[in-house]
Structures are given as C-alpha cells and as structure tokens.
Amino acid sequence: MTSLMFSVRSPDGAVLHRMEATKTGRGIRFTCTCAEGLEGMHCEHRIALLLGDASHLVETDHDAVATLAALVQGSPLLQAVHRLAHAEAAEAEARLDLERARQVIATILAG
C-alpha cells in the first residue's frame, strides 16, 4: 500500500495541516486535517496538489508529488478535480459577464 504525507500551513501560518494520500483497492483516499477536510469536503490545497501545484506545501518532496500524480493519472478523482476546476473557471467568467451586463444596463438607464 502506497501512503504519501504532505503538510501545509493555515493562511495565518499558525496551524500545520497534514494531508495523507493512500492507494486503496477502490482508488485513492486523500485526507486532510483542515476544517474542510475534517468535514468531508474538498479543500483548496488538496485540489491544488492534485492539479500539480505544490507551491503551498511546507516542504516540497518532488518524488512524493510525482508519485501522487502517477497514482491519480486517469482516475475518476483526477477527472472530477479537472471538472471542478473548469466549472469554477466558468463560474468566475459568468460572474464577470453578469457584472458587465449590470454596468451596461446602469449606463443605459442613466441616460
């Protein structure tokens, strides 16, 4: 069984969160001790790491990051993470479009 450990700090730097990725018979179990992780939700630093961004890690173990990438390659988890990233980007673009439309309407209504 492959088990990988990673650490990140809270935004204020006061708390160290531990992430553990473990290969299971069903895929990958990727846990985190942050509030979102403990609630069973996704946390941004796990998502970032799955997308290949290790910049938030306390210490970057390039071998562990590469092993994680290999473990999730082509998996439903990675597909879901990519889908989430695309949906979040689309949401951000839609919010910008909405704000632009509001500004156009406000300009027109102001005469």
PDB file of N, CA and C in Angstrom:
ATOM      1  N   MET A   1       0.850  -1.180   0.000  1.00  0.00           N
ATOM      2  CA  MET A   1       0.000   0.000   0.000  1.00  0.00           C
ATOM      3  C   MET A   1       0.898   1.245   0.000  1.00  0.00           C
ATOM      4  N   THR A   2       0.613   2.150  -0.911  1.00  0.00           N
ATOM      5  CA  THR A   2       1.364   3.394  -1.005  1.00  0.00           C
ATOM      6  C   THR A   2       0.685   4.462  -0.163  1.00  0.00           C
ATOM      7  N   SER A   3       1.448   5.114   0.696  1.00  0.00           N
ATOM      8  CA  SER A   3       0.913   6.193   1.514  1.00  0.00           C
ATOM      9  C   SER A   3       1.879   7.371   1.426  1.00  0.00           C
ATOM     10  N   LEU A   4       1.335   8.546   1.089  1.00  0.00           N
ATOM     11  CA  LEU A   4       2.134   9.757   0.931  1.00  0.00           C
ATOM     12  C   LEU A   4       1.664  10.800   1.922  1.00  0.00           C
ATOM     13  N   MET A   5       2.606  11.512   2.545  1.00  0.00           N
ATOM     14  CA  MET A   5       2.265  12.547   3.513  1.00  0.00           C
ATOM     15  C   MET A   5       2.710  13.908   2.988  1.00  0.00           C
ATOM     16  N   PHE A   6       1.861  14.917   3.212  1.00  0.00           N
ATOM     17  CA  PHE A   6       2.155  16.289   2.824  1.00  0.00           C
ATOM     18  C   PHE A   6       1.706  17.208   3.958  1.00  0.00           C
ATOM     19  N   SER A   7       2.313  18.382   4.064  1.00  0.00           N
ATOM     20  CA  SER A   7       1.941  19.354   5.096  1.00  0.00           C
ATOM     21  C   SER A   7       1.769  20.732   4.473  1.00  0.00           C
ATOM     22  N   VAL A   8       0.747  21.444   4.954  1.00  0.00           N
ATOM     23  CA  VAL A   8       0.518  22.838   4.568  1.00  0.00           C
ATOM     24  C   VAL A   8       0.215  23.629   5.826  1.00  0.00           C
ATOM     25  N   ARG A   9       0.426  24.917   5.767  1.00  0.00           N
ATOM     26  CA  ARG A   9       0.094  25.793   6.894  1.00  0.00           C
ATOM     27  C   ARG A   9      -1.224  26.492   6.616  1.00  0.00           C
ATOM     28  N   SER A  10      -1.922  26.827   7.679  1.00  0.00           N
ATOM     29  CA  SER A  10      -3.137  27.625   7.559  1.00  0.00           C
ATOM     30  C   SER A  10      -2.767  28.987   6.986  1.00  0.00           C
ATOM     31  N   PRO A  11      -3.731  29.730   6.448  1.00  0.00           N
ATOM     32  CA  PRO A  11      -3.415  31.037   5.856  1.00  0.00           C
ATOM     33  C   PRO A  11      -2.666  31.979   6.799  1.00  0.00           C
ATOM     34  N   ASP A  12      -2.948  31.901   8.099  1.00  0.00           N
ATOM     35  CA  ASP A  12      -2.240  32.774   9.048  1.00  0.00           C
ATOM     36  C   ASP A  12      -0.912  32.172   9.501  1.00  0.00           C
ATOM     37  N   GLY A  13      -0.624  30.954   9.058  1.00  0.00           N
ATOM     38  CA  GLY A  13       0.646  30.306   9.372  1.00  0.00           C
ATOM     39  C   GLY A  13       0.716  29.666  10.743  1.00  0.00           C
ATOM     40  N   ALA A  14      -0.353  29.757  11.514  1.00  0.00           N
ATOM     41  CA  ALA A  14      -0.325  29.284  12.895  1.00  0.00           C
ATOM     42  C   ALA A  14      -0.530  27.776  13.036  1.00  0.00           C
ATOM     43  N   VAL A  15      -1.236  27.164  12.088  1.00  0.00           N
ATOM     44  CA  VAL A  15      -1.599  25.755  12.219  1.00  0.00           C
ATOM     45  C   VAL A  15      -1.023  24.960  11.054  1.00  0.00           C
ATOM     46  N   LEU A  16      -0.488  23.802  11.374  1.00  0.00           N
ATOM     47  CA  LEU A  16       0.022  22.897  10.358  1.00  0.00           C
ATOM     48  C   LEU A  16      -1.038  21.843  10.074  1.00  0.00           C
ATOM     49  N   HIS A  17      -1.414  21.707   8.805  1.00  0.00           N
ATOM     50  CA  HIS A  17      -2.392  20.687   8.403  1.00  0.00           C
ATOM     51  C   HIS A  17      -1.653  19.559   7.704  1.00  0.00           C
ATOM     52  N   ARG A  18      -2.057  18.334   8.004  1.00  0.00           N
ATOM     53  CA  ARG A  18      -1.442  17.148   7.419  1.00  0.00           C
ATOM     54  C   ARG A  18      -2.390  16.539   6.399  1.00  0.00           C
ATOM     55  N   MET A  19      -1.846  16.225   5.234  1.00  0.00           N
ATOM     56  CA  MET A  19      -2.601  15.531   4.200  1.00  0.00           C
ATOM     57  C   MET A  19      -1.969  14.159   4.013  1.00  0.00           C
ATOM     58  N   GLU A  20      -2.813  13.155   3.807  1.00  0.00           N
ATOM     59  CA  GLU A  20      -2.304  11.809   3.553  1.00  0.00           C
ATOM     60  C   GLU A  20      -3.051  11.215   2.373  1.00  0.00           C
ATOM     61  N   ALA A  21      -2.305  10.791   1.372  1.00  0.00           N
ATOM     62  CA  ALA A  21      -2.870  10.127   0.199  1.00  0.00           C
ATOM     63  C   ALA A  21      -2.473   8.662   0.264  1.00  0.00           C
ATOM     64  N   THR A  22      -3.475   7.795   0.195  1.00  0.00           N
ATOM     65  CA  THR A  22      -3.240   6.359   0.299  1.00  0.00           C
ATOM     66  C   THR A  22      -3.911   5.646  -0.854  1.00  0.00           C
ATOM     67  N   LYS A  23      -3.174   4.766  -1.516  1.00  0.00           N
ATOM     68  CA  LYS A  23      -3.735   3.937  -2.583  1.00  0.00           C
ATOM     69  C   LYS A  23      -4.564   2.846  -1.930  1.00  0.00           C
ATOM     70  N   THR A  24      -5.804   2.706  -2.382  1.00  0.00           N
ATOM     71  CA  THR A  24      -6.697   1.663  -1.859  1.00  0.00           C
ATOM     72  C   THR A  24      -7.157   0.795  -3.018  1.00  0.00           C
ATOM     73  N   GLY A  25      -7.896  -0.234  -2.705  1.00  0.00           N
ATOM     74  CA  GLY A  25      -8.449  -1.094  -3.747  1.00  0.00           C
ATOM     75  C   GLY A  25      -9.473  -0.387  -4.616  1.00  0.00           C
ATOM     76  N   ARG A  26     -10.048   0.683  -4.103  1.00  0.00           N
ATOM     77  CA  ARG A  26     -11.078   1.429  -4.842  1.00  0.00           C
ATOM     78  C   ARG A  26     -10.530   2.692  -5.494  1.00  0.00           C
ATOM     79  N   GLY A  27      -9.272   3.037  -5.240  1.00  0.00           N
ATOM     80  CA  GLY A  27      -8.726   4.260  -5.801  1.00  0.00           C
ATOM     81  C   GLY A  27      -7.773   4.932  -4.829  1.00  0.00           C
ATOM     82  N   ILE A  28      -8.015   6.204  -4.576  1.00  0.00           N
ATOM     83  CA  ILE A  28      -7.157   6.994  -3.697  1.00  0.00           C
ATOM     84  C   ILE A  28      -7.987   7.552  -2.542  1.00  0.00           C
ATOM     85  N   ARG A  29      -7.489   7.400  -1.335  1.00  0.00           N
ATOM     86  CA  ARG A  29      -8.063   8.073  -0.165  1.00  0.00           C
ATOM     87  C   ARG A  29      -7.114   9.218   0.132  1.00  0.00           C
ATOM     88  N   PHE A  30      -7.642  10.439   0.131  1.00  0.00           N
ATOM     89  CA  PHE A  30      -6.804  11.626   0.313  1.00  0.00           C
ATOM     90  C   PHE A  30      -7.433  12.457   1.419  1.00  0.00           C
ATOM     91  N   THR A  31      -6.874  12.387   2.602  1.00  0.00           N
ATOM     92  CA  THR A  31      -7.438  13.051   3.774  1.00  0.00           C
ATOM     93  C   THR A  31      -6.655  14.309   4.114  1.00  0.00           C
ATOM     94  N   CYS A  32      -7.273  15.155   4.928  1.00  0.00           N
ATOM     95  CA  CYS A  32      -6.620  16.375   5.384  1.00  0.00           C
ATOM     96  C   CYS A  32      -7.175  16.741   6.753  1.00  0.00           C
ATOM     97  N   THR A  33      -6.334  17.343   7.574  1.00  0.00           N
ATOM     98  CA  THR A  33      -6.760  17.720   8.921  1.00  0.00           C
ATOM     99  C   THR A  33      -7.305  19.141   9.002  1.00  0.00           C
ATOM    100  N   CYS A  34      -7.448  19.827   7.850  1.00  0.00           N
ATOM    101  CA  CYS A  34      -8.039  21.169   7.883  1.00  0.00           C
ATOM    102  C   CYS A  34      -9.549  21.050   8.122  1.00  0.00           C
ATOM    103  N   ALA A  35     -10.193  22.164   8.396  1.00  0.00           N
ATOM    104  CA  ALA A  35     -11.630  22.163   8.707  1.00  0.00           C
ATOM    105  C   ALA A  35     -12.448  21.539   7.582  1.00  0.00           C
ATOM    106  N   GLU A  36     -12.157  21.916   6.333  1.00  0.00           N
ATOM    107  CA  GLU A  36     -12.904  21.363   5.202  1.00  0.00           C
ATOM    108  C   GLU A  36     -12.675  19.857   5.085  1.00  0.00           C
ATOM    109  N   GLY A  37     -11.429  19.445   5.235  1.00  0.00           N
ATOM    110  CA  GLY A  37     -11.096  18.030   5.145  1.00  0.00           C
ATOM    111  C   GLY A  37     -11.771  17.214   6.228  1.00  0.00           C
ATOM    112  N   LEU A  38     -11.803  17.743   7.447  1.00  0.00           N
ATOM    113  CA  LEU A  38     -12.445  17.029   8.549  1.00  0.00           C
ATOM    114  C   LEU A  38     -13.948  16.948   8.376  1.00  0.00           C
ATOM    115  N   GLU A  39     -14.522  17.875   7.615  1.00  0.00           N
ATOM    116  CA  GLU A  39     -15.961  17.871   7.343  1.00  0.00           C
ATOM    117  C   GLU A  39     -16.313  17.009   6.128  1.00  0.00           C
ATOM    118  N   GLY A  40     -15.292  16.414   5.513  1.00  0.00           N
ATOM    119  CA  GLY A  40     -15.534  15.576   4.345  1.00  0.00           C
ATOM    120  C   GLY A  40     -15.695  16.355   3.050  1.00  0.00           C
ATOM    121  N   MET A  41     -15.305  17.623   3.063  1.00  0.00           N
ATOM    122  CA  MET A  41     -15.401  18.454   1.872  1.00  0.00           C
ATOM    123  C   MET A  41     -14.030  18.525   1.205  1.00  0.00           C
ATOM    124  N   HIS A  42     -13.986  19.062  -0.007  1.00  0.00           N
ATOM    125  CA  HIS A  42     -12.675  19.250  -0.641  1.00  0.00           C
ATOM    126  C   HIS A  42     -12.048  20.523  -0.087  1.00  0.00           C
ATOM    127  N   CYS A  43     -10.744  20.521   0.015  1.00  0.00           N
ATOM    128  CA  CYS A  43     -10.042  21.731   0.434  1.00  0.00           C
ATOM    129  C   CYS A  43      -9.152  22.173  -0.715  1.00  0.00           C
ATOM    130  N   GLU A  44      -8.943  23.457  -0.802  1.00  0.00           N
ATOM    131  CA  GLU A  44      -8.241  24.028  -1.948  1.00  0.00           C
ATOM    132  C   GLU A  44      -6.804  23.532  -2.074  1.00  0.00           C
ATOM    133  N   HIS A  45      -6.117  23.269  -0.935  1.00  0.00           N
ATOM    134  CA  HIS A  45      -4.734  22.836  -1.072  1.00  0.00           C
ATOM    135  C   HIS A  45      -4.627  21.403  -1.584  1.00  0.00           C
ATOM    136  N   ARG A  46      -5.573  20.529  -1.252  1.00  0.00           N
ATOM    137  CA  ARG A  46      -5.567  19.172  -1.831  1.00  0.00           C
ATOM    138  C   ARG A  46      -5.866  19.244  -3.322  1.00  0.00           C
ATOM    139  N   ILE A  47      -6.856  20.076  -3.685  1.00  0.00           N
ATOM    140  CA  ILE A  47      -7.203  20.235  -5.099  1.00  0.00           C
ATOM    141  C   ILE A  47      -6.004  20.779  -5.868  1.00  0.00           C
ATOM    142  N   ALA A  48      -5.336  21.798  -5.308  1.00  0.00           N
ATOM    143  CA  ALA A  48      -4.166  22.376  -5.969  1.00  0.00           C
ATOM    144  C   ALA A  48      -3.084  21.312  -6.166  1.00  0.00           C
ATOM    145  N   LEU A  49      -2.845  20.507  -5.157  1.00  0.00           N
ATOM    146  CA  LEU A  49      -1.820  19.475  -5.266  1.00  0.00           C
ATOM    147  C   LEU A  49      -2.195  18.446  -6.326  1.00  0.00           C
ATOM    148  N   LEU A  50      -3.453  18.071  -6.382  1.00  0.00           N
ATOM    149  CA  LEU A  50      -3.903  17.125  -7.406  1.00  0.00           C
ATOM    150  C   LEU A  50      -3.764  17.707  -8.809  1.00  0.00           C
ATOM    151  N   LEU A  51      -3.847  19.035  -8.912  1.00  0.00           N
ATOM    152  CA  LEU A  51      -3.670  19.700 -10.204  1.00  0.00           C
ATOM    153  C   LEU A  51      -2.198  20.001 -10.501  1.00  0.00           C
ATOM    154  N   GLY A  52      -1.299  19.559  -9.596  1.00  0.00           N
ATOM    155  CA  GLY A  52       0.129  19.705  -9.829  1.00  0.00           C
ATOM    156  C   GLY A  52       0.771  20.929  -9.210  1.00  0.00           C
ATOM    157  N   ASP A  53       0.025  21.688  -8.414  1.00  0.00           N
ATOM    158  CA  ASP A  53       0.564  22.888  -7.773  1.00  0.00           C
ATOM    159  C   ASP A  53       1.015  22.542  -6.355  1.00  0.00           C
ATOM    160  N   ALA A  54       2.322  22.445  -6.158  1.00  0.00           N
ATOM    161  CA  ALA A  54       2.879  22.103  -4.852  1.00  0.00           C
ATOM    162  C   ALA A  54       3.394  23.328  -4.117  1.00  0.00           C
ATOM    163  N   SER A  55       3.105  24.519  -4.611  1.00  0.00           N
ATOM    164  CA  SER A  55       3.664  25.745  -4.034  1.00  0.00           C
ATOM    165  C   SER A  55       3.205  26.025  -2.608  1.00  0.00           C
ATOM    166  N   HIS A  56       2.106  25.446  -2.197  1.00  0.00           N
ATOM    167  CA  HIS A  56       1.562  25.691  -0.859  1.00  0.00           C
ATOM    168  C   HIS A  56       2.105  24.729   0.202  1.00  0.00           C
ATOM    169  N   LEU A  57       2.890  23.743  -0.211  1.00  0.00           N
ATOM    170  CA  LEU A  57       3.420  22.766   0.740  1.00  0.00           C
ATOM    171  C   LEU A  57       4.488  23.389   1.625  1.00  0.00           C
ATOM    172  N   VAL A  58       4.564  22.940   2.875  1.00  0.00           N
ATOM    173  CA  VAL A  58       5.592  23.406   3.798  1.00  0.00           C
ATOM    174  C   VAL A  58       6.965  22.997   3.260  1.00  0.00           C
ATOM    175  N   GLU A  59       7.093  21.744   2.868  1.00  0.00           N
ATOM    176  CA  GLU A  59       8.297  21.234   2.226  1.00  0.00           C
ATOM    177  C   GLU A  59       7.865  20.458   0.995  1.00  0.00           C
ATOM    178  N   THR A  60       8.518  20.716  -0.120  1.00  0.00           N
ATOM    179  CA  THR A  60       8.133  20.038  -1.349  1.00  0.00           C
ATOM    180  C   THR A  60       9.010  18.814  -1.557  1.00  0.00           C
ATOM    181  N   ASP A  61       8.398  17.648  -1.444  1.00  0.00           N
ATOM    182  CA  ASP A  61       9.052  16.378  -1.754  1.00  0.00           C
ATOM    183  C   ASP A  61       8.646  16.047  -3.187  1.00  0.00           C
ATOM    184  N   HIS A  62       9.509  16.370  -4.133  1.00  0.00           N
ATOM    185  CA  HIS A  62       9.177  16.209  -5.548  1.00  0.00           C
ATOM    186  C   HIS A  62       8.863  14.758  -5.904  1.00  0.00           C
ATOM    187  N   ASP A  63       9.522  13.809  -5.261  1.00  0.00           N
ATOM    188  CA  ASP A  63       9.237  12.398  -5.519  1.00  0.00           C
ATOM    189  C   ASP A  63       7.818  12.046  -5.073  1.00  0.00           C
ATOM    190  N   ALA A  64       7.402  12.540  -3.898  1.00  0.00           N
ATOM    191  CA  ALA A  64       6.053  12.266  -3.395  1.00  0.00           C
ATOM    192  C   ALA A  64       5.004  12.928  -4.288  1.00  0.00           C
ATOM    193  N   VAL A  65       5.279  14.147  -4.751  1.00  0.00           N
ATOM    194  CA  VAL A  65       4.348  14.842  -5.645  1.00  0.00           C
ATOM    195  C   VAL A  65       4.216  14.066  -6.954  1.00  0.00           C
ATOM    196  N   ALA A  66       5.336  13.584  -7.484  1.00  0.00           N
ATOM    197  CA  ALA A  66       5.314  12.796  -8.720  1.00  0.00           C
ATOM    198  C   ALA A  66       4.590  11.467  -8.517  1.00  0.00           C
ATOM    199  N   THR A  67       4.793  10.843  -7.362  1.00  0.00           N
ATOM    200  CA  THR A  67       4.103   9.585  -7.059  1.00  0.00           C
ATOM    201  C   THR A  67       2.598   9.815  -6.973  1.00  0.00           C
ATOM    202  N   LEU A  68       2.180  10.912  -6.329  1.00  0.00           N
ATOM    203  CA  LEU A  68       0.751  11.232  -6.255  1.00  0.00           C
ATOM    204  C   LEU A  68       0.185  11.431  -7.655  1.00  0.00           C
ATOM    205  N   ALA A  69       0.895  12.171  -8.493  1.00  0.00           N
ATOM    206  CA  ALA A  69       0.442  12.399  -9.865  1.00  0.00           C
ATOM    207  C   ALA A  69       0.276  11.078 -10.605  1.00  0.00           C
ATOM    208  N   ALA A  70       1.210  10.149 -10.416  1.00  0.00           N
ATOM    209  CA  ALA A  70       1.129   8.841 -11.068  1.00  0.00           C
ATOM    210  C   ALA A  70      -0.051   8.033 -10.536  1.00  0.00           C
ATOM    211  N   LEU A  71      -0.307   8.135  -9.226  1.00  0.00           N
ATOM    212  CA  LEU A  71      -1.412   7.381  -8.623  1.00  0.00           C
ATOM    213  C   LEU A  71      -2.775   7.827  -9.149  1.00  0.00           C
ATOM    214  N   VAL A  72      -2.923   9.121  -9.402  1.00  0.00           N
ATOM    215  CA  VAL A  72      -4.237   9.634  -9.817  1.00  0.00           C
ATOM    216  C   VAL A  72      -4.383   9.737 -11.328  1.00  0.00           C
ATOM    217  N   GLN A  73      -3.294   9.506 -12.067  1.00  0.00           N
ATOM    218  CA  GLN A  73      -3.323   9.600 -13.525  1.00  0.00           C
ATOM    219  C   GLN A  73      -4.502   8.793 -14.098  1.00  0.00           C
ATOM    220  N   GLY A  74      -5.387   9.467 -14.818  1.00  0.00           N
ATOM    221  CA  GLY A  74      -6.512   8.811 -15.479  1.00  0.00           C
ATOM    222  C   GLY A  74      -7.619   8.342 -14.546  1.00  0.00           C
ATOM    223  N   SER A  75      -7.539   8.677 -13.276  1.00  0.00           N
ATOM    224  CA  SER A  75      -8.523   8.195 -12.301  1.00  0.00           C
ATOM    225  C   SER A  75      -9.788   9.049 -12.305  1.00  0.00           C
ATOM    226  N   PRO A  76     -10.893   8.494 -11.810  1.00  0.00           N
ATOM    227  CA  PRO A  76     -12.114   9.294 -11.654  1.00  0.00           C
ATOM    228  C   PRO A  76     -11.890  10.509 -10.753  1.00  0.00           C
ATOM    229  N   LEU A  77     -11.006  10.383  -9.759  1.00  0.00           N
ATOM    230  CA  LEU A  77     -10.707  11.510  -8.876  1.00  0.00           C
ATOM    231  C   LEU A  77     -10.120  12.663  -9.677  1.00  0.00           C
ATOM    232  N   LEU A  78      -9.113  12.378 -10.486  1.00  0.00           N
ATOM    233  CA  LEU A  78      -8.485  13.441 -11.262  1.00  0.00           C
ATOM    234  C   LEU A  78      -9.457  14.035 -12.281  1.00  0.00           C
ATOM    235  N   GLN A  79     -10.279  13.199 -12.874  1.00  0.00           N
ATOM    236  CA  GLN A  79     -11.301  13.694 -13.800  1.00  0.00           C
ATOM    237  C   GLN A  79     -12.250  14.645 -13.079  1.00  0.00           C
ATOM    238  N   ALA A  80     -12.661  14.275 -11.868  1.00  0.00           N
ATOM    239  CA  ALA A  80     -13.570  15.128 -11.090  1.00  0.00           C
ATOM    240  C   ALA A  80     -12.892  16.433 -10.688  1.00  0.00           C
ATOM    241  N   VAL A  81     -11.618  16.375 -10.335  1.00  0.00           N
ATOM    242  CA  VAL A  81     -10.875  17.584  -9.960  1.00  0.00           C
ATOM    243  C   VAL A  81     -10.775  18.526 -11.156  1.00  0.00           C
ATOM    244  N   HIS A  82     -10.481  17.982 -12.330  1.00  0.00           N
ATOM    245  CA  HIS A  82     -10.425  18.817 -13.532  1.00  0.00           C
ATOM    246  C   HIS A  82     -11.800  19.410 -13.861  1.00  0.00           C
ATOM    247  N   ARG A  83     -12.830  18.613 -13.680  1.00  0.00           N
ATOM    248  CA  ARG A  83     -14.192  19.114 -13.915  1.00  0.00           C
ATOM    249  C   ARG A  83     -14.513  20.260 -12.955  1.00  0.00           C
ATOM    250  N   LEU A  84     -14.125  20.115 -11.692  1.00  0.00           N
ATOM    251  CA  LEU A  84     -14.327  21.169 -10.703  1.00  0.00           C
ATOM    252  C   LEU A  84     -13.582  22.437 -11.113  1.00  0.00           C
ATOM    253  N   ALA A  85     -12.319  22.287 -11.511  1.00  0.00           N
ATOM    254  CA  ALA A  85     -11.518  23.447 -11.913  1.00  0.00           C
ATOM    255  C   ALA A  85     -12.147  24.166 -13.100  1.00  0.00           C
ATOM    256  N   HIS A  86     -12.632  23.410 -14.075  1.00  0.00           N
ATOM    257  CA  HIS A  86     -13.291  24.026 -15.243  1.00  0.00           C
ATOM    258  C   HIS A  86     -14.592  24.715 -14.843  1.00  0.00           C
ATOM    259  N   ALA A  87     -15.360  24.086 -13.969  1.00  0.00           N
ATOM    260  CA  ALA A  87     -16.625  24.675 -13.524  1.00  0.00           C
ATOM    261  C   ALA A  87     -16.378  25.957 -12.734  1.00  0.00           C
ATOM    262  N   GLU A  88     -15.343  25.958 -11.882  1.00  0.00           N
ATOM    263  CA  GLU A  88     -15.025  27.168 -11.117  1.00  0.00           C
ATOM    264  C   GLU A  88     -14.573  28.295 -12.044  1.00  0.00           C
ATOM    265  N   ALA A  89     -13.809  27.960 -13.075  1.00  0.00           N
ATOM    266  CA  ALA A  89     -13.385  28.977 -14.045  1.00  0.00           C
ATOM    267  C   ALA A  89     -14.585  29.518 -14.812  1.00  0.00           C
ATOM    268  N   ALA A  90     -15.502  28.644 -15.187  1.00  0.00           N
ATOM    269  CA  ALA A  90     -16.711  29.076 -15.891  1.00  0.00           C
ATOM    270  C   ALA A  90     -17.579  29.949 -14.994  1.00  0.00           C
ATOM    271  N   GLU A  91     -17.663  29.596 -13.722  1.00  0.00           N
ATOM    272  CA  GLU A  91     -18.433  30.403 -12.776  1.00  0.00           C
ATOM    273  C   GLU A  91     -17.831  31.802 -12.643  1.00  0.00           C
ATOM    274  N   ALA A  92     -16.511  31.869 -12.531  1.00  0.00           N
ATOM    275  CA  ALA A  92     -15.843  33.173 -12.412  1.00  0.00           C
ATOM    276  C   ALA A  92     -16.100  34.019 -13.657  1.00  0.00           C
ATOM    277  N   GLU A  93     -16.038  33.413 -14.834  1.00  0.00           N
ATOM    278  CA  GLU A  93     -16.302  34.139 -16.080  1.00  0.00           C
ATOM    279  C   GLU A  93     -17.763  34.588 -16.137  1.00  0.00           C
ATOM    280  N   ALA A  94     -18.671  33.739 -15.697  1.00  0.00           N
ATOM    281  CA  ALA A  94     -20.094  34.108 -15.689  1.00  0.00           C
ATOM    282  C   ALA A  94     -20.346  35.272 -14.733  1.00  0.00           C
ATOM    283  N   ARG A  95     -19.672  35.280 -13.590  1.00  0.00           N
ATOM    284  CA  ARG A  95     -19.818  36.397 -12.647  1.00  0.00           C
ATOM    285  C   ARG A  95     -19.325  37.702 -13.270  1.00  0.00           C
ATOM    286  N   LEU A  96     -18.211  37.638 -14.008  1.00  0.00           N
ATOM    287  CA  LEU A  96     -17.714  38.825 -14.706  1.00  0.00           C
ATOM    288  C   LEU A  96     -18.705  39.289 -15.774  1.00  0.00           C
ATOM    289  N   ASP A  97     -19.259  38.354 -16.527  1.00  0.00           N
ATOM    290  CA  ASP A  97     -20.256  38.695 -17.547  1.00  0.00           C
ATOM    291  C   ASP A  97     -21.480  39.335 -16.915  1.00  0.00           C
ATOM    292  N   LEU A  98     -21.917  38.810 -15.787  1.00  0.00           N
ATOM    293  CA  LEU A  98     -23.064  39.360 -15.083  1.00  0.00           C
ATOM    294  C   LEU A  98     -22.784  40.786 -14.637  1.00  0.00           C
ATOM    295  N   GLU A  99     -21.599  41.020 -14.085  1.00  0.00           N
ATOM    296  CA  GLU A  99     -21.244  42.369 -13.631  1.00  0.00           C
ATOM    297  C   GLU A  99     -21.162  43.331 -14.815  1.00  0.00           C
ATOM    298  N   ARG A 100     -20.588  42.870 -15.919  1.00  0.00           N
ATOM    299  CA  ARG A 100     -20.527  43.720 -17.121  1.00  0.00           C
ATOM    300  C   ARG A 100     -21.924  44.072 -17.621  1.00  0.00           C
ATOM    301  N   ALA A 101     -22.820  43.096 -17.634  1.00  0.00           N
ATOM    302  CA  ALA A 101     -24.190  43.341 -18.082  1.00  0.00           C
ATOM    303  C   ALA A 101     -24.884  44.348 -17.166  1.00  0.00           C
ATOM    304  N   ARG A 102     -24.658  44.229 -15.874  1.00  0.00           N
ATOM    305  CA  ARG A 102     -25.245  45.187 -14.928  1.00  0.00           C
ATOM    306  C   ARG A 102     -24.718  46.600 -15.170  1.00  0.00           C
ATOM    307  N   GLN A 103     -23.422  46.697 -15.454  1.00  0.00           N
ATOM    308  CA  GLN A 103     -22.823  48.002 -15.716  1.00  0.00           C
ATOM    309  C   GLN A 103     -23.390  48.615 -17.003  1.00  0.00           C
ATOM    310  N   VAL A 104     -23.583  47.819 -18.017  1.00  0.00           N
ATOM    311  CA  VAL A 104     -24.158  48.308 -19.273  1.00  0.00           C
ATOM    312  C   VAL A 104     -25.571  48.811 -19.039  1.00  0.00           C
ATOM    313  N   ILE A 105     -26.357  48.028 -18.312  1.00  0.00           N
ATOM    314  CA  ILE A 105     -27.744  48.436 -18.019  1.00  0.00           C
ATOM    315  C   ILE A 105     -27.746  49.722 -17.208  1.00  0.00           C
ATOM    316  N   ALA A 106     -26.889  49.822 -16.196  1.00  0.00           N
ATOM    317  CA  ALA A 106     -26.822  51.020 -15.370  1.00  0.00           C
ATOM    318  C   ALA A 106     -26.450  52.221 -16.210  1.00  0.00           C
ATOM    319  N   THR A 107     -25.516  52.062 -17.121  1.00  0.00           N
ATOM    320  CA  THR A 107     -25.107  53.160 -18.012  1.00  0.00           C
ATOM    321  C   THR A 107     -26.255  53.583 -18.901  1.00  0.00           C
ATOM    322  N   ILE A 108     -26.941  52.626 -19.480  1.00  0.00           N
ATOM    323  CA  ILE A 108     -28.075  52.942 -20.363  1.00  0.00           C
ATOM    324  C   ILE A 108     -29.197  53.625 -19.592  1.00  0.00           C
ATOM    325  N   LEU A 109     -29.500  53.104 -18.407  1.00  0.00           N
ATOM    326  CA  LEU A 109     -30.582  53.690 -17.598  1.00  0.00           C
ATOM    327  C   LEU A 109     -30.249  55.101 -17.119  1.00  0.00           C
ATOM    328  N   ALA A 110     -28.966  55.398 -16.981  1.00  0.00           N
ATOM    329  CA  ALA A 110     -28.568  56.737 -16.539  1.00  0.00           C
ATOM    330  C   ALA A 110     -28.728  57.772 -17.648  1.00  0.00           C
ATOM    331  N   GLY A 111     -28.976  57.275 -18.853  1.00  0.00           N
ATOM    332  CA  GLY A 111     -29.238  58.189 -19.980  1.00  0.00           C
ATOM    333  C   GLY A 111     -27.992  58.726 -20.512  1.00  0.00           C
TER     334      GLY A 111
END
